[in-house]
Amino acid sequence: QVPLVESGGGSVQVGGSLRLSCAGSGYRCMGWFRQAPGKEREVVASIRGFGATYYADSVKGRFTISKDIATNTLYLQMSSLKPEDTAMYYCAAKRDCSGEYNYWGQGTQVTVSS
């Protein structure tokens, strides 16, 4: 098992952009999740293979998930950020695409201020 390590979080103003990275991402099925204080963890985006993607309605058109196979890095490009995007963001991977997410990173904080 290769550990997943997120980076790229930080503080940004409303309307700004951030790109999250997740190293160790050599898995076929992966996703980005987030959890805000007092709220349940929710899926933000996922990718299967190198093409099939899913986005939560709240981020469609603003976030883009992608993978770099050369470096085994998963990315989440976030644009037009809103205060409600403030959360801890986690990348996750599945051993088997038909199963649950088995591996999780430690998380990276994203804070959007107005």
Protein backbone atom coordinates (compact mmCIF):
# COMPACT_ATOMS: atom_id res chain seq x y z
CA GLN A 1 0.00 0.00 0.00
CA VAL A 2 1.38 3.35 -1.04
CA PRO A 3 0.34 6.15 1.30
CA LEU A 4 -1.71 8.99 -0.08
CA VAL A 5 -0.36 12.44 0.71
CA GLU A 6 -2.39 15.55 -0.06
CA SER A 7 -0.99 19.03 -0.52
CA GLY A 8 -2.02 22.36 -1.98
CA GLY A 9 -4.58 23.52 0.52
CA GLY A 10 -4.57 26.99 1.98
CA SER A 11 -6.52 30.18 2.45
CA VAL A 12 -8.03 32.03 -0.48
CA GLN A 13 -10.60 34.73 -1.04
CA VAL A 14 -13.97 34.17 -2.64
CA GLY A 15 -13.61 33.65 -6.36
CA GLY A 16 -10.05 32.43 -6.07
CA SER A 17 -8.50 29.15 -7.16
CA LEU A 18 -6.47 26.36 -5.63
CA ARG A 19 -5.06 23.10 -6.94
CA LEU A 20 -4.91 20.14 -4.61
CA SER A 21 -2.48 17.30 -5.25
CA CYS A 22 -2.45 13.76 -3.96
CA ALA A 23 0.81 11.86 -4.30
CA GLY A 24 0.91 8.07 -4.36
CA SER A 25 -2.16 7.94 -6.57
CA GLY A 26 -1.44 4.87 -8.67
CA TYR A 27 -4.93 3.45 -8.25
CA ARG A 28 -7.50 3.09 -10.97
CA CYS A 29 -10.44 4.47 -8.99
CA MET A 30 -9.92 7.49 -6.79
CA GLY A 31 -11.83 10.38 -5.35
CA TRP A 32 -11.71 13.66 -3.50
CA PHE A 33 -13.85 14.10 -0.40
CA ARG A 34 -14.35 16.98 1.99
CA GLN A 35 -15.61 17.47 5.51
CA ALA A 36 -16.58 20.77 7.03
CA PRO A 37 -16.88 21.23 10.81
CA GLY A 38 -20.14 19.78 12.07
CA LYS A 39 -20.96 18.20 8.73
CA GLU A 40 -20.65 14.73 7.29
CA ARG A 41 -17.92 13.85 4.86
CA GLU A 42 -19.08 14.18 1.28
CA VAL A 43 -17.68 13.14 -2.06
CA VAL A 44 -16.57 16.07 -4.19
CA ALA A 45 -15.33 14.31 -7.32
CA SER A 46 -14.15 10.90 -8.46
CA ILE A 47 -12.33 9.40 -11.39
CA ARG A 48 -12.35 5.89 -12.83
CA GLY A 49 -9.44 4.96 -15.03
CA PHE A 50 -8.37 8.02 -16.95
CA GLY A 51 -11.65 9.31 -18.25
CA ALA A 52 -14.87 8.65 -16.34
CA THR A 53 -15.46 11.39 -13.81
CA TYR A 54 -18.16 12.29 -11.33
CA TYR A 55 -18.78 15.65 -9.65
CA ALA A 56 -21.06 16.66 -6.85
CA ASP A 57 -23.67 19.13 -8.04
CA SER A 58 -22.24 21.79 -5.74
CA VAL A 59 -18.89 21.82 -7.58
CA LYS A 60 -19.86 21.08 -11.18
CA GLY A 61 -18.36 23.57 -13.56
CA ARG A 62 -15.94 24.86 -10.91
CA PHE A 63 -13.79 21.84 -9.96
CA THR A 64 -11.85 19.46 -12.20
CA ILE A 65 -10.41 16.11 -11.15
CA SER A 66 -7.51 14.63 -13.11
CA LYS A 67 -4.66 12.17 -12.85
CA ASP A 68 -1.06 12.32 -14.05
CA ILE A 69 -0.06 8.73 -14.73
CA ALA A 70 3.60 9.62 -15.13
CA THR A 71 3.87 10.86 -11.56
CA ASN A 72 0.96 8.93 -9.98
CA THR A 73 -0.55 12.18 -8.82
CA LEU A 74 -4.23 12.97 -8.47
CA TYR A 75 -5.30 16.58 -8.78
CA LEU A 76 -8.32 18.67 -7.93
CA GLN A 77 -8.36 22.04 -9.65
CA MET A 78 -10.75 24.31 -7.80
CA SER A 79 -11.94 27.61 -9.24
CA SER A 80 -14.56 30.23 -8.36
CA LEU A 81 -14.24 29.16 -4.75
CA LYS A 82 -17.04 29.96 -2.33
CA PRO A 83 -17.10 30.16 1.48
CA GLU A 84 -19.12 26.93 1.52
CA ASP A 85 -16.13 25.15 -0.06
CA THR A 86 -14.25 25.60 3.21
CA ALA A 87 -13.43 22.14 4.55
CA MET A 88 -10.74 19.55 5.06
CA TYR A 89 -10.17 17.83 1.74
CA TYR A 90 -9.11 14.20 1.49
CA CYS A 91 -8.09 12.01 -1.40
CA ALA A 92 -9.06 8.37 -1.32
CA ALA A 93 -8.50 5.24 -3.38
CA LYS A 94 -10.19 1.91 -3.94
CA ARG A 95 -8.41 -1.43 -4.12
CA ASP A 96 -11.30 -2.65 -6.27
CA CYS A 97 -13.34 -0.19 -8.30
CA SER A 98 -16.55 -1.98 -7.37
CA GLY A 99 -15.88 -1.70 -3.65
CA GLU A 100 -15.46 0.88 -0.94
CA TYR A 101 -12.70 3.45 -0.62
CA ASN A 102 -9.96 1.64 1.27
CA TYR A 103 -7.13 4.16 1.48
CA TRP A 104 -7.24 7.73 2.72
CA GLY A 105 -4.84 10.61 2.93
CA GLN A 106 -4.39 12.78 6.00
CA GLY A 107 -6.24 15.72 4.50
CA THR A 108 -5.44 19.28 3.51
CA GLN A 109 -7.37 22.32 4.74
CA VAL A 110 -9.05 24.71 2.33
CA THR A 111 -10.41 27.97 3.72
CA VAL A 112 -12.34 30.44 1.57
CA SER A 113 -12.99 33.85 3.05
CA SER A 114 -15.19 36.67 1.86
